[in-house]
Amino acid sequence: MYIKFGVENRARLPTDIGDVTVKQGQGSATMAAVTDPQEYLSTRHIEFRDTATGVIGIRLADGEEPARRYDLIVNERGGKGRELTVSGFGF
């Protein structure tokens, strides 16, 4: 299963993407980090008004259904150290 995302830098200063984490579960109380996700980012460094595109690959066992809920968390390295979270999406 693949999750595609984009991060746009709207701040005046350049920024860098740090860790990208995906959590999965049945609800907010059962969320756990996905083990060994595969990650691709077009770039980790984003200038003002530029966008980085990312793809996270999650391996599902044969016949395994996706989790009911996913959270995507993207951390900023340097700068203000912000954390961007997209919560509660599913397939």
PDB file of N, CA and C in Angstrom:
ATOM      1  N   MET A   1       0.848  -1.150   0.000  1.00  0.00           N
ATOM      2  CA  MET A   1       0.000   0.000   0.000  1.00  0.00           C
ATOM      3  C   MET A   1       0.905   1.227   0.000  1.00  0.00           C
ATOM      4  N   TYR A   2       0.500   2.263  -0.734  1.00  0.00           N
ATOM      5  CA  TYR A   2       1.288   3.483  -0.820  1.00  0.00           C
ATOM      6  C   TYR A   2       0.474   4.689  -0.374  1.00  0.00           C
ATOM      7  N   ILE A   3       1.143   5.605   0.307  1.00  0.00           N
ATOM      8  CA  ILE A   3       0.547   6.877   0.705  1.00  0.00           C
ATOM      9  C   ILE A   3       1.401   7.967   0.079  1.00  0.00           C
ATOM     10  N   LYS A   4       0.784   8.792  -0.762  1.00  0.00           N
ATOM     11  CA  LYS A   4       1.490   9.901  -1.404  1.00  0.00           C
ATOM     12  C   LYS A   4       1.096  11.196  -0.703  1.00  0.00           C
ATOM     13  N   PHE A   5       2.082  12.086  -0.490  1.00  0.00           N
ATOM     14  CA  PHE A   5       1.802  13.348   0.191  1.00  0.00           C
ATOM     15  C   PHE A   5       2.709  14.441  -0.342  1.00  0.00           C
ATOM     16  N   GLY A   6       2.350  15.676  -0.069  1.00  0.00           N
ATOM     17  CA  GLY A   6       3.156  16.829  -0.441  1.00  0.00           C
ATOM     18  C   GLY A   6       3.271  17.776   0.731  1.00  0.00           C
ATOM     19  N   VAL A   7       4.424  18.453   0.797  1.00  0.00           N
ATOM     20  CA  VAL A   7       4.662  19.452   1.839  1.00  0.00           C
ATOM     21  C   VAL A   7       5.116  20.729   1.146  1.00  0.00           C
ATOM     22  N   GLU A   8       4.359  21.814   1.335  1.00  0.00           N
ATOM     23  CA  GLU A   8       4.707  23.102   0.742  1.00  0.00           C
ATOM     24  C   GLU A   8       5.285  24.010   1.827  1.00  0.00           C
ATOM     25  N   ASN A   9       6.371  24.683   1.504  1.00  0.00           N
ATOM     26  CA  ASN A   9       6.978  25.631   2.442  1.00  0.00           C
ATOM     27  C   ASN A   9       6.374  27.006   2.194  1.00  0.00           C
ATOM     28  N   ARG A  10       5.557  27.458   3.112  1.00  0.00           N
ATOM     29  CA  ARG A  10       4.944  28.784   3.006  1.00  0.00           C
ATOM     30  C   ARG A  10       5.675  29.820   3.846  1.00  0.00           C
ATOM     31  N   ALA A  11       6.678  29.373   4.588  1.00  0.00           N
ATOM     32  CA  ALA A  11       7.483  30.299   5.395  1.00  0.00           C
ATOM     33  C   ALA A  11       8.501  30.987   4.489  1.00  0.00           C
ATOM     34  N   ARG A  12       8.967  32.117   4.889  1.00  0.00           N
ATOM     35  CA  ARG A  12       9.933  32.875   4.073  1.00  0.00           C
ATOM     36  C   ARG A  12      11.302  32.202   4.037  1.00  0.00           C
ATOM     37  N   LEU A  13      11.653  31.474   5.079  1.00  0.00           N
ATOM     38  CA  LEU A  13      12.967  30.843   5.156  1.00  0.00           C
ATOM     39  C   LEU A  13      12.913  29.408   4.649  1.00  0.00           C
ATOM     40  N   PRO A  14      13.999  28.924   4.059  1.00  0.00           N
ATOM     41  CA  PRO A  14      14.046  27.513   3.645  1.00  0.00           C
ATOM     42  C   PRO A  14      13.898  26.595   4.854  1.00  0.00           C
ATOM     43  N   THR A  15      13.449  25.379   4.606  1.00  0.00           N
ATOM     44  CA  THR A  15      13.292  24.405   5.680  1.00  0.00           C
ATOM     45  C   THR A  15      13.713  23.030   5.189  1.00  0.00           C
ATOM     46  N   ASP A  16      13.893  22.120   6.124  1.00  0.00           N
ATOM     47  CA  ASP A  16      14.261  20.752   5.791  1.00  0.00           C
ATOM     48  C   ASP A  16      13.296  19.787   6.462  1.00  0.00           C
ATOM     49  N   ILE A  17      12.940  18.730   5.733  1.00  0.00           N
ATOM     50  CA  ILE A  17      12.080  17.689   6.285  1.00  0.00           C
ATOM     51  C   ILE A  17      12.941  16.725   7.088  1.00  0.00           C
ATOM     52  N   GLY A  18      12.496  16.419   8.294  1.00  0.00           N
ATOM     53  CA  GLY A  18      13.177  15.445   9.150  1.00  0.00           C
ATOM     54  C   GLY A  18      12.503  14.092   9.038  1.00  0.00           C
ATOM     55  N   ASP A  19      12.117  13.540  10.166  1.00  0.00           N
ATOM     56  CA  ASP A  19      11.484  12.218  10.201  1.00  0.00           C
ATOM     57  C   ASP A  19      10.069  12.258   9.647  1.00  0.00           C
ATOM     58  N   VAL A  20       9.710  11.181   8.946  1.00  0.00           N
ATOM     59  CA  VAL A  20       8.344  10.973   8.474  1.00  0.00           C
ATOM     60  C   VAL A  20       7.866   9.665   9.113  1.00  0.00           C
ATOM     61  N   THR A  21       6.744   9.731   9.822  1.00  0.00           N
ATOM     62  CA  THR A  21       6.223   8.575  10.551  1.00  0.00           C
ATOM     63  C   THR A  21       4.787   8.301  10.131  1.00  0.00           C
ATOM     64  N   VAL A  22       4.454   7.033  10.010  1.00  0.00           N
ATOM     65  CA  VAL A  22       3.069   6.630   9.770  1.00  0.00           C
ATOM     66  C   VAL A  22       2.641   5.755  10.939  1.00  0.00           C
ATOM     67  N   LYS A  23       1.474   6.086  11.504  1.00  0.00           N
ATOM     68  CA  LYS A  23       0.886   5.260  12.559  1.00  0.00           C
ATOM     69  C   LYS A  23      -0.389   4.636  12.024  1.00  0.00           C
ATOM     70  N   GLN A  24      -0.699   3.449  12.502  1.00  0.00           N
ATOM     71  CA  GLN A  24      -1.913   2.755  12.074  1.00  0.00           C
ATOM     72  C   GLN A  24      -2.606   2.137  13.270  1.00  0.00           C
ATOM     73  N   GLY A  25      -3.910   1.938  13.149  1.00  0.00           N
ATOM     74  CA  GLY A  25      -4.667   1.316  14.227  1.00  0.00           C
ATOM     75  C   GLY A  25      -6.151   1.340  13.930  1.00  0.00           C
ATOM     76  N   GLN A  26      -6.923   0.983  14.920  1.00  0.00           N
ATOM     77  CA  GLN A  26      -8.375   0.944  14.786  1.00  0.00           C
ATOM     78  C   GLN A  26      -9.029   2.208  15.326  1.00  0.00           C
ATOM     79  N   GLY A  27      -8.290   2.965  16.115  1.00  0.00           N
ATOM     80  CA  GLY A  27      -8.789   4.199  16.706  1.00  0.00           C
ATOM     81  C   GLY A  27      -7.662   4.894  17.426  1.00  0.00           C
ATOM     82  N   SER A  28      -7.906   6.081  17.953  1.00  0.00           N
ATOM     83  CA  SER A  28      -6.836   6.879  18.548  1.00  0.00           C
ATOM     84  C   SER A  28      -6.117   6.168  19.693  1.00  0.00           C
ATOM     85  N   ALA A  29      -6.793   5.314  20.430  1.00  0.00           N
ATOM     86  CA  ALA A  29      -6.169   4.625  21.567  1.00  0.00           C
ATOM     87  C   ALA A  29      -5.272   3.472  21.135  1.00  0.00           C
ATOM     88  N   THR A  30      -5.412   3.011  19.892  1.00  0.00           N
ATOM     89  CA  THR A  30      -4.666   1.827  19.452  1.00  0.00           C
ATOM     90  C   THR A  30      -3.621   2.144  18.382  1.00  0.00           C
ATOM     91  N   MET A  31      -3.291   3.403  18.168  1.00  0.00           N
ATOM     92  CA  MET A  31      -2.362   3.780  17.108  1.00  0.00           C
ATOM     93  C   MET A  31      -0.932   3.374  17.471  1.00  0.00           C
ATOM     94  N   ALA A  32      -0.230   2.772  16.507  1.00  0.00           N
ATOM     95  CA  ALA A  32       1.162   2.362  16.695  1.00  0.00           C
ATOM     96  C   ALA A  32       1.924   2.653  15.413  1.00  0.00           C
ATOM     97  N   ALA A  33       3.194   2.988  15.538  1.00  0.00           N
ATOM     98  CA  ALA A  33       4.018   3.292  14.373  1.00  0.00           C
ATOM     99  C   ALA A  33       4.145   2.066  13.475  1.00  0.00           C
ATOM    100  N   VAL A  34       4.070   2.282  12.175  1.00  0.00           N
ATOM    101  CA  VAL A  34       4.274   1.221  11.191  1.00  0.00           C
ATOM    102  C   VAL A  34       5.752   0.829  11.232  1.00  0.00           C
ATOM    103  N   THR A  35       6.014  -0.478  11.282  1.00  0.00           N
ATOM    104  CA  THR A  35       7.400  -0.929  11.304  1.00  0.00           C
ATOM    105  C   THR A  35       7.927  -1.070   9.880  1.00  0.00           C
ATOM    106  N   ASP A  36       9.133  -0.587   9.668  1.00  0.00           N
ATOM    107  CA  ASP A  36       9.865  -0.700   8.420  1.00  0.00           C
ATOM    108  C   ASP A  36       9.127  -0.167   7.188  1.00  0.00           C
ATOM    109  N   PRO A  37       8.595   1.064   7.254  1.00  0.00           N
ATOM    110  CA  PRO A  37       7.992   1.624   6.046  1.00  0.00           C
ATOM    111  C   PRO A  37       9.090   2.024   5.055  1.00  0.00           C
ATOM    112  N   GLN A  38       8.791   1.967   3.783  1.00  0.00           N
ATOM    113  CA  GLN A  38       9.720   2.435   2.757  1.00  0.00           C
ATOM    114  C   GLN A  38       9.344   3.875   2.432  1.00  0.00           C
ATOM    115  N   GLU A  39      10.337   4.746   2.321  1.00  0.00           N
ATOM    116  CA  GLU A  39      10.086   6.176   2.167  1.00  0.00           C
ATOM    117  C   GLU A  39      10.824   6.722   0.957  1.00  0.00           C
ATOM    118  N   TYR A  40      10.150   7.586   0.206  1.00  0.00           N
ATOM    119  CA  TYR A  40      10.779   8.336  -0.879  1.00  0.00           C
ATOM    120  C   TYR A  40      10.368   9.788  -0.734  1.00  0.00           C
ATOM    121  N   LEU A  41      11.330  10.698  -0.805  1.00  0.00           N
ATOM    122  CA  LEU A  41      11.059  12.133  -0.822  1.00  0.00           C
ATOM    123  C   LEU A  41      11.770  12.733  -2.026  1.00  0.00           C
ATOM    124  N   SER A  42      11.084  13.605  -2.770  1.00  0.00           N
ATOM    125  CA  SER A  42      11.708  14.251  -3.921  1.00  0.00           C
ATOM    126  C   SER A  42      12.871  15.126  -3.479  1.00  0.00           C
ATOM    127  N   THR A  43      12.760  15.698  -2.291  1.00  0.00           N
ATOM    128  CA  THR A  43      13.829  16.488  -1.683  1.00  0.00           C
ATOM    129  C   THR A  43      13.529  16.649  -0.201  1.00  0.00           C
ATOM    130  N   ARG A  44      14.558  16.791   0.599  1.00  0.00           N
ATOM    131  CA  ARG A  44      14.348  17.092   2.026  1.00  0.00           C
ATOM    132  C   ARG A  44      14.456  18.591   2.278  1.00  0.00           C
ATOM    133  N   HIS A  45      15.069  19.313   1.369  1.00  0.00           N
ATOM    134  CA  HIS A  45      15.244  20.762   1.507  1.00  0.00           C
ATOM    135  C   HIS A  45      14.192  21.471   0.669  1.00  0.00           C
ATOM    136  N   ILE A  46      13.441  22.377   1.288  1.00  0.00           N
ATOM    137  CA  ILE A  46      12.366  23.077   0.588  1.00  0.00           C
ATOM    138  C   ILE A  46      12.567  24.588   0.730  1.00  0.00           C
ATOM    139  N   GLU A  47      12.725  25.252  -0.393  1.00  0.00           N
ATOM    140  CA  GLU A  47      12.799  26.709  -0.417  1.00  0.00           C
ATOM    141  C   GLU A  47      11.394  27.302  -0.281  1.00  0.00           C
ATOM    142  N   PHE A  48      11.324  28.612  -0.051  1.00  0.00           N
ATOM    143  CA  PHE A  48      10.056  29.326   0.054  1.00  0.00           C
ATOM    144  C   PHE A  48       9.206  29.061  -1.193  1.00  0.00           C
ATOM    145  N   ARG A  49       7.952  28.692  -0.978  1.00  0.00           N
ATOM    146  CA  ARG A  49       6.947  28.417  -2.004  1.00  0.00           C
ATOM    147  C   ARG A  49       7.250  27.180  -2.860  1.00  0.00           C
ATOM    148  N   ASP A  50       8.210  26.374  -2.481  1.00  0.00           N
ATOM    149  CA  ASP A  50       8.457  25.104  -3.167  1.00  0.00           C
ATOM    150  C   ASP A  50       7.733  23.977  -2.439  1.00  0.00           C
ATOM    151  N   THR A  51       7.591  22.848  -3.116  1.00  0.00           N
ATOM    152  CA  THR A  51       6.891  21.689  -2.565  1.00  0.00           C
ATOM    153  C   THR A  51       7.755  20.446  -2.692  1.00  0.00           C
ATOM    154  N   ALA A  52       7.778  19.640  -1.654  1.00  0.00           N
ATOM    155  CA  ALA A  52       8.401  18.315  -1.691  1.00  0.00           C
ATOM    156  C   ALA A  52       7.283  17.291  -1.776  1.00  0.00           C
ATOM    157  N   THR A  53       7.486  16.280  -2.607  1.00  0.00           N
ATOM    158  CA  THR A  53       6.523  15.194  -2.738  1.00  0.00           C
ATOM    159  C   THR A  53       7.118  13.954  -2.091  1.00  0.00           C
ATOM    160  N   GLY A  54       6.295  13.232  -1.346  1.00  0.00           N
ATOM    161  CA  GLY A  54       6.758  12.020  -0.684  1.00  0.00           C
ATOM    162  C   GLY A  54       5.818  10.851  -0.914  1.00  0.00           C
ATOM    163  N   VAL A  55       6.389   9.656  -0.815  1.00  0.00           N
ATOM    164  CA  VAL A  55       5.610   8.428  -0.909  1.00  0.00           C
ATOM    165  C   VAL A  55       6.095   7.497   0.192  1.00  0.00           C
ATOM    166  N   ILE A  56       5.153   6.942   0.941  1.00  0.00           N
ATOM    167  CA  ILE A  56       5.448   5.954   1.967  1.00  0.00           C
ATOM    168  C   ILE A  56       4.858   4.628   1.507  1.00  0.00           C
ATOM    169  N   GLY A  57       5.663   3.581   1.519  1.00  0.00           N
ATOM    170  CA  GLY A  57       5.187   2.247   1.170  1.00  0.00           C
ATOM    171  C   GLY A  57       5.052   1.400   2.421  1.00  0.00           C
ATOM    172  N   ILE A  58       3.905   0.773   2.576  1.00  0.00           N
ATOM    173  CA  ILE A  58       3.639  -0.094   3.725  1.00  0.00           C
ATOM    174  C   ILE A  58       3.338  -1.488   3.192  1.00  0.00           C
ATOM    175  N   ARG A  59       4.098  -2.457   3.653  1.00  0.00           N
ATOM    176  CA  ARG A  59       3.893  -3.833   3.192  1.00  0.00           C
ATOM    177  C   ARG A  59       2.766  -4.484   3.991  1.00  0.00           C
ATOM    178  N   LEU A  60       1.789  -5.030   3.266  1.00  0.00           N
ATOM    179  CA  LEU A  60       0.707  -5.801   3.877  1.00  0.00           C
ATOM    180  C   LEU A  60       0.915  -7.267   3.515  1.00  0.00           C
ATOM    181  N   ALA A  61       0.711  -8.146   4.462  1.00  0.00           N
ATOM    182  CA  ALA A  61       0.808  -9.580   4.190  1.00  0.00           C
ATOM    183  C   ALA A  61      -0.305  -9.985   3.235  1.00  0.00           C
ATOM    184  N   ASP A  62      -0.113 -11.069   2.508  1.00  0.00           N
ATOM    185  CA  ASP A  62      -1.140 -11.567   1.602  1.00  0.00           C
ATOM    186  C   ASP A  62      -2.468 -11.715   2.332  1.00  0.00           C
ATOM    187  N   GLY A  63      -3.501 -11.090   1.795  1.00  0.00           N
ATOM    188  CA  GLY A  63      -4.827 -11.173   2.391  1.00  0.00           C
ATOM    189  C   GLY A  63      -5.068 -10.218   3.544  1.00  0.00           C
ATOM    190  N   GLU A  64      -4.042  -9.514   3.984  1.00  0.00           N
ATOM    191  CA  GLU A  64      -4.193  -8.581   5.113  1.00  0.00           C
ATOM    192  C   GLU A  64      -4.924  -7.327   4.652  1.00  0.00           C
ATOM    193  N   GLU A  65      -5.900  -6.904   5.421  1.00  0.00           N
ATOM    194  CA  GLU A  65      -6.652  -5.688   5.140  1.00  0.00           C
ATOM    195  C   GLU A  65      -5.906  -4.487   5.720  1.00  0.00           C
ATOM    196  N   PRO A  66      -5.994  -3.327   5.072  1.00  0.00           N
ATOM    197  CA  PRO A  66      -5.398  -2.124   5.657  1.00  0.00           C
ATOM    198  C   PRO A  66      -6.053  -1.799   7.000  1.00  0.00           C
ATOM    199  N   ALA A  67      -5.328  -1.083   7.843  1.00  0.00           N
ATOM    200  CA  ALA A  67      -5.897  -0.641   9.123  1.00  0.00           C
ATOM    201  C   ALA A  67      -7.079   0.295   8.854  1.00  0.00           C
ATOM    202  N   ARG A  68      -7.907   0.481   9.837  1.00  0.00           N
ATOM    203  CA  ARG A  68      -9.062   1.371   9.685  1.00  0.00           C
ATOM    204  C   ARG A  68      -8.648   2.836   9.684  1.00  0.00           C
ATOM    205  N   ARG A  69      -7.526   3.132  10.356  1.00  0.00           N
ATOM    206  CA  ARG A  69      -7.128   4.525  10.519  1.00  0.00           C
ATOM    207  C   ARG A  69      -5.619   4.649  10.385  1.00  0.00           C
ATOM    208  N   TYR A  70      -5.183   5.744   9.758  1.00  0.00           N
ATOM    209  CA  TYR A  70      -3.761   6.062   9.629  1.00  0.00           C
ATOM    210  C   TYR A  70      -3.531   7.513  10.017  1.00  0.00           C
ATOM    211  N   ASP A  71      -2.350   7.787  10.574  1.00  0.00           N
ATOM    212  CA  ASP A  71      -1.880   9.140  10.833  1.00  0.00           C
ATOM    213  C   ASP A  71      -0.531   9.287  10.140  1.00  0.00           C
ATOM    214  N   LEU A  72      -0.307  10.412   9.465  1.00  0.00           N
ATOM    215  CA  LEU A  72       0.966  10.725   8.834  1.00  0.00           C
ATOM    216  C   LEU A  72       1.569  11.908   9.569  1.00  0.00           C
ATOM    217  N   ILE A  73       2.805  11.758  10.027  1.00  0.00           N
ATOM    218  CA  ILE A  73       3.468  12.805  10.806  1.00  0.00           C
ATOM    219  C   ILE A  73       4.787  13.160  10.114  1.00  0.00           C
ATOM    220  N   VAL A  74       4.940  14.436   9.767  1.00  0.00           N
ATOM    221  CA  VAL A  74       6.156  14.931   9.112  1.00  0.00           C
ATOM    222  C   VAL A  74       6.781  15.965  10.034  1.00  0.00           C
ATOM    223  N   ASN A  75       8.042  15.741  10.405  1.00  0.00           N
ATOM    224  CA  ASN A  75       8.752  16.653  11.299  1.00  0.00           C
ATOM    225  C   ASN A  75       9.710  17.531  10.520  1.00  0.00           C
ATOM    226  N   GLU A  76       9.804  18.789  10.956  1.00  0.00           N
ATOM    227  CA  GLU A  76      10.740  19.738  10.381  1.00  0.00           C
ATOM    228  C   GLU A  76      12.069  19.615  11.113  1.00  0.00           C
ATOM    229  N   ARG A  77      13.143  19.512  10.354  1.00  0.00           N
ATOM    230  CA  ARG A  77      14.488  19.463  10.941  1.00  0.00           C
ATOM    231  C   ARG A  77      15.036  20.885  10.867  1.00  0.00           C
ATOM    232  N   GLY A  78      15.432  21.428  12.001  1.00  0.00           N
ATOM    233  CA  GLY A  78      15.893  22.808  12.031  1.00  0.00           C
ATOM    234  C   GLY A  78      14.711  23.747  12.034  1.00  0.00           C
ATOM    235  N   GLY A  79      14.970  25.004  11.713  1.00  0.00           N
ATOM    236  CA  GLY A  79      13.889  25.989  11.692  1.00  0.00           C
ATOM    237  C   GLY A  79      13.174  26.030  13.027  1.00  0.00           C
ATOM    238  N   LYS A  80      11.866  26.005  12.997  1.00  0.00           N
ATOM    239  CA  LYS A  80      11.052  26.052  14.211  1.00  0.00           C
ATOM    240  C   LYS A  80      10.749  24.667  14.760  1.00  0.00           C
ATOM    241  N   GLY A  81      11.210  23.620  14.088  1.00  0.00           N
ATOM    242  CA  GLY A  81      10.978  22.262  14.576  1.00  0.00           C
ATOM    243  C   GLY A  81       9.518  21.870  14.577  1.00  0.00           C
ATOM    244  N   ARG A  82       8.775  22.372  13.618  1.00  0.00           N
ATOM    245  CA  ARG A  82       7.332  22.100  13.566  1.00  0.00           C
ATOM    246  C   ARG A  82       7.048  20.646  13.221  1.00  0.00           C
ATOM    247  N   GLU A  83       5.848  20.213  13.569  1.00  0.00           N
ATOM    248  CA  GLU A  83       5.372  18.870  13.261  1.00  0.00           C
ATOM    249  C   GLU A  83       4.040  19.002  12.543  1.00  0.00           C
ATOM    250  N   LEU A  84       3.962  18.417  11.351  1.00  0.00           N
ATOM    251  CA  LEU A  84       2.730  18.418  10.583  1.00  0.00           C
ATOM    252  C   LEU A  84       2.076  17.057  10.713  1.00  0.00           C
ATOM    253  N   THR A  85       0.801  17.012  11.060  1.00  0.00           N
ATOM    254  CA  THR A  85       0.093  15.747  11.243  1.00  0.00           C
ATOM    255  C   THR A  85      -1.194  15.737  10.452  1.00  0.00           C
ATOM    256  N   VAL A  86      -1.374  14.676   9.671  1.00  0.00           N
ATOM    257  CA  VAL A  86      -2.654  14.412   9.012  1.00  0.00           C
ATOM    258  C   VAL A  86      -3.214  13.190   9.731  1.00  0.00           C
ATOM    259  N   SER A  87      -4.311  13.386  10.454  1.00  0.00           N
ATOM    260  CA  SER A  87      -4.848  12.335  11.325  1.00  0.00           C
ATOM    261  C   SER A  87      -6.137  11.732  10.777  1.00  0.00           C
ATOM    262  N   GLY A  88      -6.278  10.451  11.062  1.00  0.00           N
ATOM    263  CA  GLY A  88      -7.564   9.789  10.891  1.00  0.00           C
ATOM    264  C   GLY A  88      -7.995   9.480   9.484  1.00  0.00           C
ATOM    265  N   PHE A  89      -7.067   9.327   8.545  1.00  0.00           N
ATOM    266  CA  PHE A  89      -7.495   8.961   7.209  1.00  0.00           C
ATOM    267  C   PHE A  89      -7.448   7.456   7.030  1.00  0.00           C
ATOM    268  N   GLY A  90      -8.187   6.948   6.081  1.00  0.00           N
ATOM    269  CA  GLY A  90      -8.239   5.514   5.860  1.00  0.00           C
ATOM    270  C   GLY A  90      -8.506   5.185   4.407  1.00  0.00           C
ATOM    271  N   PHE A  91      -8.550   3.885   4.136  1.00  0.00           N
ATOM    272  CA  PHE A  91      -8.753   3.416   2.760  1.00  0.00           C
ATOM    273  C   PHE A  91      -9.921   2.451   2.710  1.00  0.00           C
TER     274      PHE A  91
END
